[in-house]
Amino acid sequence: MFILGLQGSPRKNGNTDVMLRTFMEKAGQAGAATHTIQVAKAGVAACKGCGYCESHGRCVITDDPMATEIFGLIRKADLVVAASPVYFYGISAQLKGLIDRCQTFWSRKYVYKLKDPLAATRQGILFSVAASRGRQLFDGIHLTAKYFFDAIDARFEHALTYRGVESKGAIREHEKLEADIDALIEKTVRPMLSRKQILFVSPQGACRAPLAAALAQAQHGDQVCTGFAGLTPASALSPTMIQAIEARGMDLGYRKPVGMDQTLSGTPPDLIVVMDKTIPDNLVPGVKTKHWPLSAPDADDHAAMERLIGEVETHIETLITQHGQRK
């Protein structure tokens, strides 16, 4: 599984940073792959409020880190952790700027009626810390987090919030921090890791592998956690495959082919499914491999793509029957 952390404080090694780092380290020790974005340093451009995403399905800004990397990381994540200090009873400006850019996900979900393959299983967690102790101190942040997680197809499951923590690094001395985070790992990370981890691999990771990963995740996400990779990744996913998936109400927007080195972090997969006869068995020593020798459709061959989808769905049902039980 993959966890994305969004560290929204501009202060390095501050209380928010410490909270998130502690969680991510413990999640990594449990076996999850993790990645943290220091939002204040990420160079995210501000939302223009132009409405382009509502009429085109994508953000008009295409050349900043949000467009080239962060959208894809959010889509890849099984768990998104948003962390922010309280500023004027709200979220930090840096993290709010990133959240505003996620209007494109809202548009794809509510205007285009597309659902991410991880929608049924992705979770969202909020971390927040504040120096004051007001009764409604975290109300604004909770509301922002609620609608952010809804836009990115994540269930807002848990929040860790602490009042009265003022000096830099003081959260380290909080008597409940370690126990709270340990309990959160048990509630969120370990159940996700208990699902069978299946990696689909095709030569370029542009059609067959992402297609199979998306279908398996959408249909059986309570039993499996899927990923995909290409031995020599293409620059983009197959447009014909994306069109066929979207016709079924599924969304692979902002996903792109990745190499094996980008996929194999954290605990190794339980199973690798290779989708081309040219791919060898020993991709990852010690990991069981299955072969699905399915041909890739030619570009713009929509009939062949529909046949491929039917074949993949049949293979998935057999796969889940044989390998989908929990560990």
Protein backbone atom coordinates (compact mmCIF):
# COMPACT_ATOMS: atom_id res chain seq x y z
CA MET A 1 0.00 0.00 0.00
CA PHE A 2 1.03 3.61 -0.55
CA ILE A 3 0.58 6.48 1.94
CA LEU A 4 0.86 10.12 0.88
CA GLY A 5 1.56 12.73 3.54
CA LEU A 6 0.80 16.41 2.94
CA GLN A 7 2.81 18.45 5.44
CA GLY A 8 1.08 21.83 5.45
CA SER A 9 3.17 23.79 7.94
CA PRO A 10 5.77 26.24 6.60
CA ARG A 11 7.86 25.61 9.71
CA LYS A 12 10.45 22.84 9.39
CA ASN A 13 10.62 20.51 12.40
CA GLY A 14 7.60 22.21 13.92
CA ASN A 15 4.86 20.35 15.75
CA THR A 16 2.86 19.50 12.63
CA ASP A 17 6.00 18.23 10.91
CA VAL A 18 6.88 16.07 13.92
CA MET A 19 3.39 14.56 14.10
CA LEU A 20 3.30 13.61 10.45
CA ARG A 21 6.87 12.33 10.40
CA THR A 22 6.21 10.11 13.42
CA PHE A 23 3.16 8.58 11.75
CA MET A 24 4.92 8.04 8.43
CA GLU A 25 7.93 6.40 10.08
CA LYS A 26 5.73 3.99 12.00
CA ALA A 27 3.68 3.24 8.88
CA GLY A 28 6.89 2.50 6.98
CA GLN A 29 8.02 0.16 9.75
CA ALA A 30 4.68 -1.64 9.46
CA GLY A 31 5.39 -2.27 5.76
CA ALA A 32 3.72 0.59 3.87
CA ALA A 33 5.38 2.62 1.13
CA THR A 34 5.32 6.30 2.13
CA HIS A 35 5.98 9.69 0.59
CA THR A 36 5.70 13.12 2.20
CA ILE A 37 5.29 16.42 0.36
CA GLN A 38 6.52 19.52 2.15
CA VAL A 39 3.77 21.69 0.72
CA ALA A 40 5.41 25.04 1.53
CA LYS A 41 8.38 24.08 -0.64
CA ALA A 42 6.51 22.25 -3.39
CA GLY A 43 5.93 25.25 -5.67
CA VAL A 44 2.21 24.65 -6.15
CA ALA A 45 0.63 27.36 -8.29
CA ALA A 46 -2.58 28.96 -7.04
CA CYS A 47 -5.95 27.93 -8.46
CA LYS A 48 -7.12 30.46 -11.06
CA GLY A 49 -10.82 29.93 -10.37
CA CYS A 50 -11.30 29.81 -14.13
CA GLY A 51 -13.68 26.84 -14.37
CA TYR A 52 -11.51 25.12 -16.99
CA CYS A 53 -11.59 21.82 -15.10
CA GLU A 54 -15.38 21.83 -15.13
CA SER A 55 -15.53 22.22 -18.91
CA HIS A 56 -12.47 20.13 -19.83
CA GLY A 57 -12.00 17.66 -16.97
CA ARG A 58 -8.43 18.73 -16.28
CA CYS A 59 -6.68 21.67 -14.63
CA VAL A 60 -5.65 24.48 -16.96
CA ILE A 61 -2.26 24.66 -15.19
CA THR A 62 -0.07 21.91 -16.62
CA ASP A 63 3.52 22.88 -15.80
CA ASP A 64 3.78 23.09 -12.01
CA PRO A 65 4.51 20.23 -9.54
CA MET A 66 0.81 19.84 -8.78
CA ALA A 67 0.11 18.95 -12.40
CA THR A 68 3.27 16.97 -13.11
CA GLU A 69 3.52 14.98 -9.87
CA ILE A 70 1.12 15.64 -6.99
CA PHE A 71 -2.17 14.92 -8.77
CA GLY A 72 -0.77 11.52 -9.71
CA LEU A 73 0.47 10.80 -6.18
CA ILE A 74 -2.95 11.59 -4.74
CA ARG A 75 -4.54 9.21 -7.24
CA LYS A 76 -2.02 6.50 -6.37
CA ALA A 77 -2.43 6.78 -2.61
CA ASP A 78 -4.40 4.27 -0.56
CA LEU A 79 -4.21 6.66 2.40
CA VAL A 80 -3.81 10.46 2.34
CA VAL A 81 -2.71 12.22 5.52
CA ALA A 82 -3.28 15.99 5.58
CA ALA A 83 -1.39 17.82 8.35
CA SER A 84 -1.73 21.50 9.24
CA PRO A 85 -1.33 23.87 12.17
CA VAL A 86 -4.29 26.09 13.04
CA TYR A 87 -3.98 29.60 11.59
CA PHE A 88 -6.89 31.93 12.46
CA TYR A 89 -9.10 28.89 13.11
CA GLY A 90 -8.32 27.51 9.65
CA ILE A 91 -5.87 25.49 7.66
CA SER A 92 -2.47 26.84 6.60
CA ALA A 93 -2.36 28.93 3.41
CA GLN A 94 0.13 26.53 1.86
CA LEU A 95 -2.01 23.44 2.30
CA LYS A 96 -5.18 25.34 1.40
CA GLY A 97 -3.58 26.29 -1.92
CA LEU A 98 -2.93 22.63 -2.72
CA ILE A 99 -6.47 21.69 -1.72
CA ASP A 100 -7.95 24.41 -3.93
CA ARG A 101 -6.15 22.90 -6.93
CA CYS A 102 -8.02 19.65 -6.26
CA GLN A 103 -11.11 21.26 -7.75
CA THR A 104 -10.18 19.25 -10.84
CA PHE A 105 -10.92 16.03 -8.90
CA TRP A 106 -14.24 17.50 -7.77
CA SER A 107 -15.09 18.25 -11.39
CA ARG A 108 -14.19 14.77 -12.59
CA LYS A 109 -16.30 13.24 -9.81
CA TYR A 110 -19.37 15.45 -9.83
CA VAL A 111 -19.47 16.98 -13.32
CA TYR A 112 -18.12 14.03 -15.33
CA LYS A 113 -19.52 11.36 -12.95
CA LEU A 114 -16.25 9.41 -12.83
CA LYS A 115 -15.20 7.33 -9.84
CA ASP A 116 -11.61 6.53 -8.92
CA PRO A 117 -10.88 2.77 -8.67
CA LEU A 118 -9.75 3.37 -5.07
CA ALA A 119 -12.93 5.26 -4.10
CA ALA A 120 -14.30 2.42 -1.98
CA THR A 121 -11.10 1.88 0.00
CA ARG A 122 -9.01 5.10 0.06
CA GLN A 123 -8.96 6.78 3.46
CA GLY A 124 -8.14 10.27 4.65
CA ILE A 125 -6.63 11.29 7.98
CA LEU A 126 -6.27 14.79 9.45
CA PHE A 127 -3.49 15.88 11.81
CA SER A 128 -3.65 19.31 13.41
CA VAL A 129 -2.08 21.11 16.35
CA ALA A 130 -2.71 24.54 17.87
CA ALA A 131 -1.34 26.76 20.61
CA SER A 132 -4.72 27.97 21.88
CA ARG A 133 -7.59 26.00 23.40
CA GLY A 134 -10.83 27.38 21.96
CA ARG A 135 -13.89 25.14 21.96
CA GLN A 136 -14.36 25.47 18.18
CA LEU A 137 -10.66 25.52 17.46
CA PHE A 138 -10.66 22.70 14.89
CA ASP A 139 -14.15 23.15 13.41
CA GLY A 140 -12.97 25.03 10.32
CA ILE A 141 -10.13 22.61 9.61
CA HIS A 142 -12.47 19.63 9.98
CA LEU A 143 -14.84 21.08 7.40
CA THR A 144 -12.05 21.80 4.93
CA ALA A 145 -10.65 18.30 5.40
CA LYS A 146 -14.11 16.75 4.98
CA TYR A 147 -14.68 18.30 1.57
CA PHE A 148 -11.09 17.86 0.44
CA PHE A 149 -11.22 14.13 1.15
CA ASP A 150 -14.60 13.85 -0.54
CA ALA A 151 -13.22 15.49 -3.70
CA ILE A 152 -10.29 13.07 -3.91
CA ASP A 153 -12.49 10.01 -3.25
CA ALA A 154 -11.19 9.31 0.26
CA ARG A 155 -13.27 8.47 3.33
CA PHE A 156 -12.49 10.89 6.16
CA GLU A 157 -11.92 8.26 8.84
CA HIS A 158 -9.81 9.74 11.62
CA ALA A 159 -8.38 12.98 13.01
CA LEU A 160 -5.68 13.60 15.61
CA THR A 161 -5.87 17.13 17.00
CA TYR A 162 -4.04 18.63 19.97
CA ARG A 163 -4.68 21.91 21.80
CA GLY A 164 -2.30 23.98 23.87
CA VAL A 165 0.91 23.00 22.07
CA GLU A 166 2.82 26.20 21.43
CA SER A 167 6.63 26.05 21.41
CA LYS A 168 8.43 24.48 18.47
CA GLY A 169 8.77 20.72 18.91
CA ALA A 170 6.67 20.65 22.10
CA ILE A 171 4.43 17.94 20.62
CA ARG A 172 7.28 15.47 21.19
CA GLU A 173 6.58 15.72 24.91
CA HIS A 174 2.85 15.18 24.60
CA GLU A 175 1.96 12.22 26.78
CA LYS A 176 -0.54 10.74 24.32
CA LEU A 177 1.15 11.28 20.94
CA GLU A 178 2.98 7.95 20.61
CA ALA A 179 0.02 5.93 21.86
CA ASP A 180 -2.43 7.81 19.63
CA ILE A 181 -0.31 7.23 16.54
CA ASP A 182 0.26 3.57 17.37
CA ALA A 183 -3.50 3.12 17.73
CA LEU A 184 -4.07 4.90 14.41
CA ILE A 185 -1.58 2.59 12.66
CA GLU A 186 -3.52 -0.40 13.99
CA LYS A 187 -6.86 1.04 12.85
CA THR A 188 -5.82 2.17 9.37
CA VAL A 189 -2.50 0.89 8.06
CA ARG A 190 -2.48 -2.71 9.27
CA PRO A 191 -5.95 -3.58 7.93
CA MET A 192 -4.92 -2.24 4.51
CA LEU A 193 -1.70 -4.24 4.62
CA SER A 194 -3.69 -7.39 5.41
CA ARG A 195 -5.18 -7.35 1.91
CA LYS A 196 -3.39 -9.31 -0.80
CA GLN A 197 -0.92 -7.00 -2.54
CA ILE A 198 -1.01 -7.69 -6.31
CA LEU A 199 1.23 -6.03 -8.88
CA PHE A 200 0.26 -6.13 -12.57
CA VAL A 201 3.11 -5.76 -15.06
CA SER A 202 3.10 -5.22 -18.82
CA PRO A 203 5.95 -4.12 -21.11
CA GLN A 204 5.10 -0.41 -21.12
CA GLY A 205 2.59 -0.26 -18.26
CA ALA A 206 0.26 1.79 -20.44
CA CYS A 207 -2.72 -0.45 -21.17
CA ARG A 208 -3.04 -4.01 -19.89
CA ALA A 209 -1.44 -3.57 -16.46
CA PRO A 210 -3.27 -0.37 -15.41
CA LEU A 211 -6.51 -1.75 -16.83
CA ALA A 212 -6.25 -4.93 -14.76
CA ALA A 213 -5.17 -3.05 -11.64
CA ALA A 214 -8.11 -0.64 -11.93
CA LEU A 215 -10.72 -3.33 -12.53
CA ALA A 216 -9.43 -5.57 -9.73
CA GLN A 217 -9.26 -2.65 -7.29
CA ALA A 218 -12.70 -1.29 -8.13
CA GLN A 219 -14.40 -4.67 -7.96
CA HIS A 220 -12.50 -6.36 -5.12
CA GLY A 221 -10.78 -3.60 -3.17
CA ASP A 222 -11.91 -5.10 0.13
CA GLN A 223 -9.72 -8.12 -0.59
CA VAL A 224 -6.82 -6.84 -2.70
CA CYS A 225 -4.57 -3.82 -3.03
CA THR A 226 -3.29 -3.43 -6.59
CA GLY A 227 -0.52 -1.61 -8.38
CA PHE A 228 0.83 -1.58 -11.92
CA ALA A 229 4.17 -1.09 -13.63
CA GLY A 230 5.93 -1.28 -16.98
CA LEU A 231 9.35 -2.69 -17.67
CA THR A 232 10.00 0.23 -20.03
CA PRO A 233 7.29 2.72 -19.08
CA ALA A 234 5.51 4.67 -21.78
CA SER A 235 5.01 8.40 -21.41
CA ALA A 236 1.25 8.13 -20.93
CA LEU A 237 -1.59 5.66 -20.53
CA SER A 238 -3.38 4.38 -23.63
CA PRO A 239 -6.08 6.90 -24.66
CA THR A 240 -8.24 4.07 -26.01
CA MET A 241 -8.05 2.24 -22.70
CA ILE A 242 -8.86 5.40 -20.74
CA GLN A 243 -11.85 6.07 -22.97
CA ALA A 244 -13.15 2.52 -22.45
CA ILE A 245 -12.68 2.79 -18.67
CA GLU A 246 -14.42 6.16 -18.51
CA ALA A 247 -17.37 4.72 -20.43
CA ARG A 248 -17.78 2.43 -17.40
CA GLY A 249 -17.69 5.40 -15.02
CA MET A 250 -14.13 4.77 -13.83
CA ASP A 251 -11.39 7.36 -13.64
CA LEU A 252 -7.70 6.91 -14.41
CA GLY A 253 -7.10 10.61 -14.91
CA TYR A 254 -3.68 11.83 -13.74
CA ARG A 255 -2.32 8.28 -13.54
CA LYS A 256 0.70 7.47 -15.68
CA PRO A 257 2.96 4.47 -16.37
CA VAL A 258 5.68 3.85 -13.80
CA GLY A 259 8.70 1.59 -13.66
CA MET A 260 9.30 -1.34 -11.35
CA ASP A 261 11.71 0.72 -9.25
CA GLN A 262 8.95 3.26 -8.50
CA THR A 263 6.45 0.57 -7.57
CA LEU A 264 8.46 -1.84 -5.43
CA SER A 265 8.81 0.03 -2.16
CA GLY A 266 7.48 -1.02 1.20
CA THR A 267 6.51 -4.68 1.62
CA PRO A 268 6.99 -6.75 -1.58
CA PRO A 269 3.76 -7.79 -3.32
CA ASP A 270 2.19 -11.16 -2.55
CA LEU A 271 1.71 -11.84 -6.24
CA ILE A 272 2.91 -10.46 -9.57
CA VAL A 273 0.72 -10.90 -12.64
CA VAL A 274 2.65 -10.48 -15.89
CA MET A 275 0.53 -9.70 -18.92
CA ASP A 276 2.86 -10.48 -21.81
CA LYS A 277 4.71 -13.67 -22.73
CA THR A 278 7.95 -11.71 -23.23
CA ILE A 279 8.17 -10.84 -19.51
CA PRO A 280 10.28 -13.26 -17.42
CA ASP A 281 9.11 -15.03 -14.28
CA ASN A 282 11.82 -13.82 -11.92
CA LEU A 283 10.96 -10.13 -11.74
CA VAL A 284 11.11 -10.14 -7.94
CA PRO A 285 12.94 -13.07 -6.34
CA GLY A 286 10.75 -14.99 -3.94
CA VAL A 287 7.46 -13.51 -5.18
CA LYS A 288 5.00 -15.81 -6.93
CA THR A 289 4.26 -14.92 -10.57
CA LYS A 290 1.22 -15.68 -12.73
CA HIS A 291 1.04 -15.23 -16.51
CA TRP A 292 -1.89 -13.74 -18.37
CA PRO A 293 -0.73 -13.80 -22.03
CA LEU A 294 -3.20 -11.20 -23.27
CA SER A 295 -2.51 -9.25 -26.44
CA ALA A 296 -2.45 -5.46 -26.37
CA PRO A 297 -5.00 -3.89 -28.75
CA ASP A 298 -3.80 -1.66 -31.54
CA ALA A 299 -4.29 2.05 -31.00
CA ASP A 300 -7.89 3.14 -31.72
CA ASP A 301 -9.09 -0.48 -31.97
CA HIS A 302 -12.08 -0.07 -29.68
CA ALA A 303 -13.56 -3.49 -30.43
CA ALA A 304 -10.30 -5.20 -29.44
CA MET A 305 -10.19 -3.10 -26.27
CA GLU A 306 -13.67 -4.26 -25.30
CA ARG A 307 -12.61 -7.87 -25.85
CA LEU A 308 -9.54 -7.29 -23.71
CA ILE A 309 -11.64 -5.87 -20.89
CA GLY A 310 -13.88 -8.94 -20.97
CA GLU A 311 -10.86 -11.26 -20.86
CA VAL A 312 -9.29 -9.32 -17.99
CA GLU A 313 -12.52 -9.40 -15.98
CA THR A 314 -12.74 -13.18 -16.41
CA HIS A 315 -9.12 -13.60 -15.28
CA ILE A 316 -9.72 -11.32 -12.28
CA GLU A 317 -12.64 -13.39 -11.02
CA THR A 318 -10.50 -16.53 -11.17
CA LEU A 319 -7.60 -14.72 -9.53
CA ILE A 320 -9.71 -13.46 -6.63
CA THR A 321 -11.17 -16.93 -6.08
CA GLN A 322 -7.66 -18.37 -5.85
CA HIS A 323 -5.68 -15.54 -4.24
CA GLY A 324 -8.07 -12.97 -2.82
CA GLN A 325 -8.42 -14.28 0.70
CA ARG A 326 -6.91 -12.26 3.50
CA LYS A 327 -3.59 -13.32 4.95
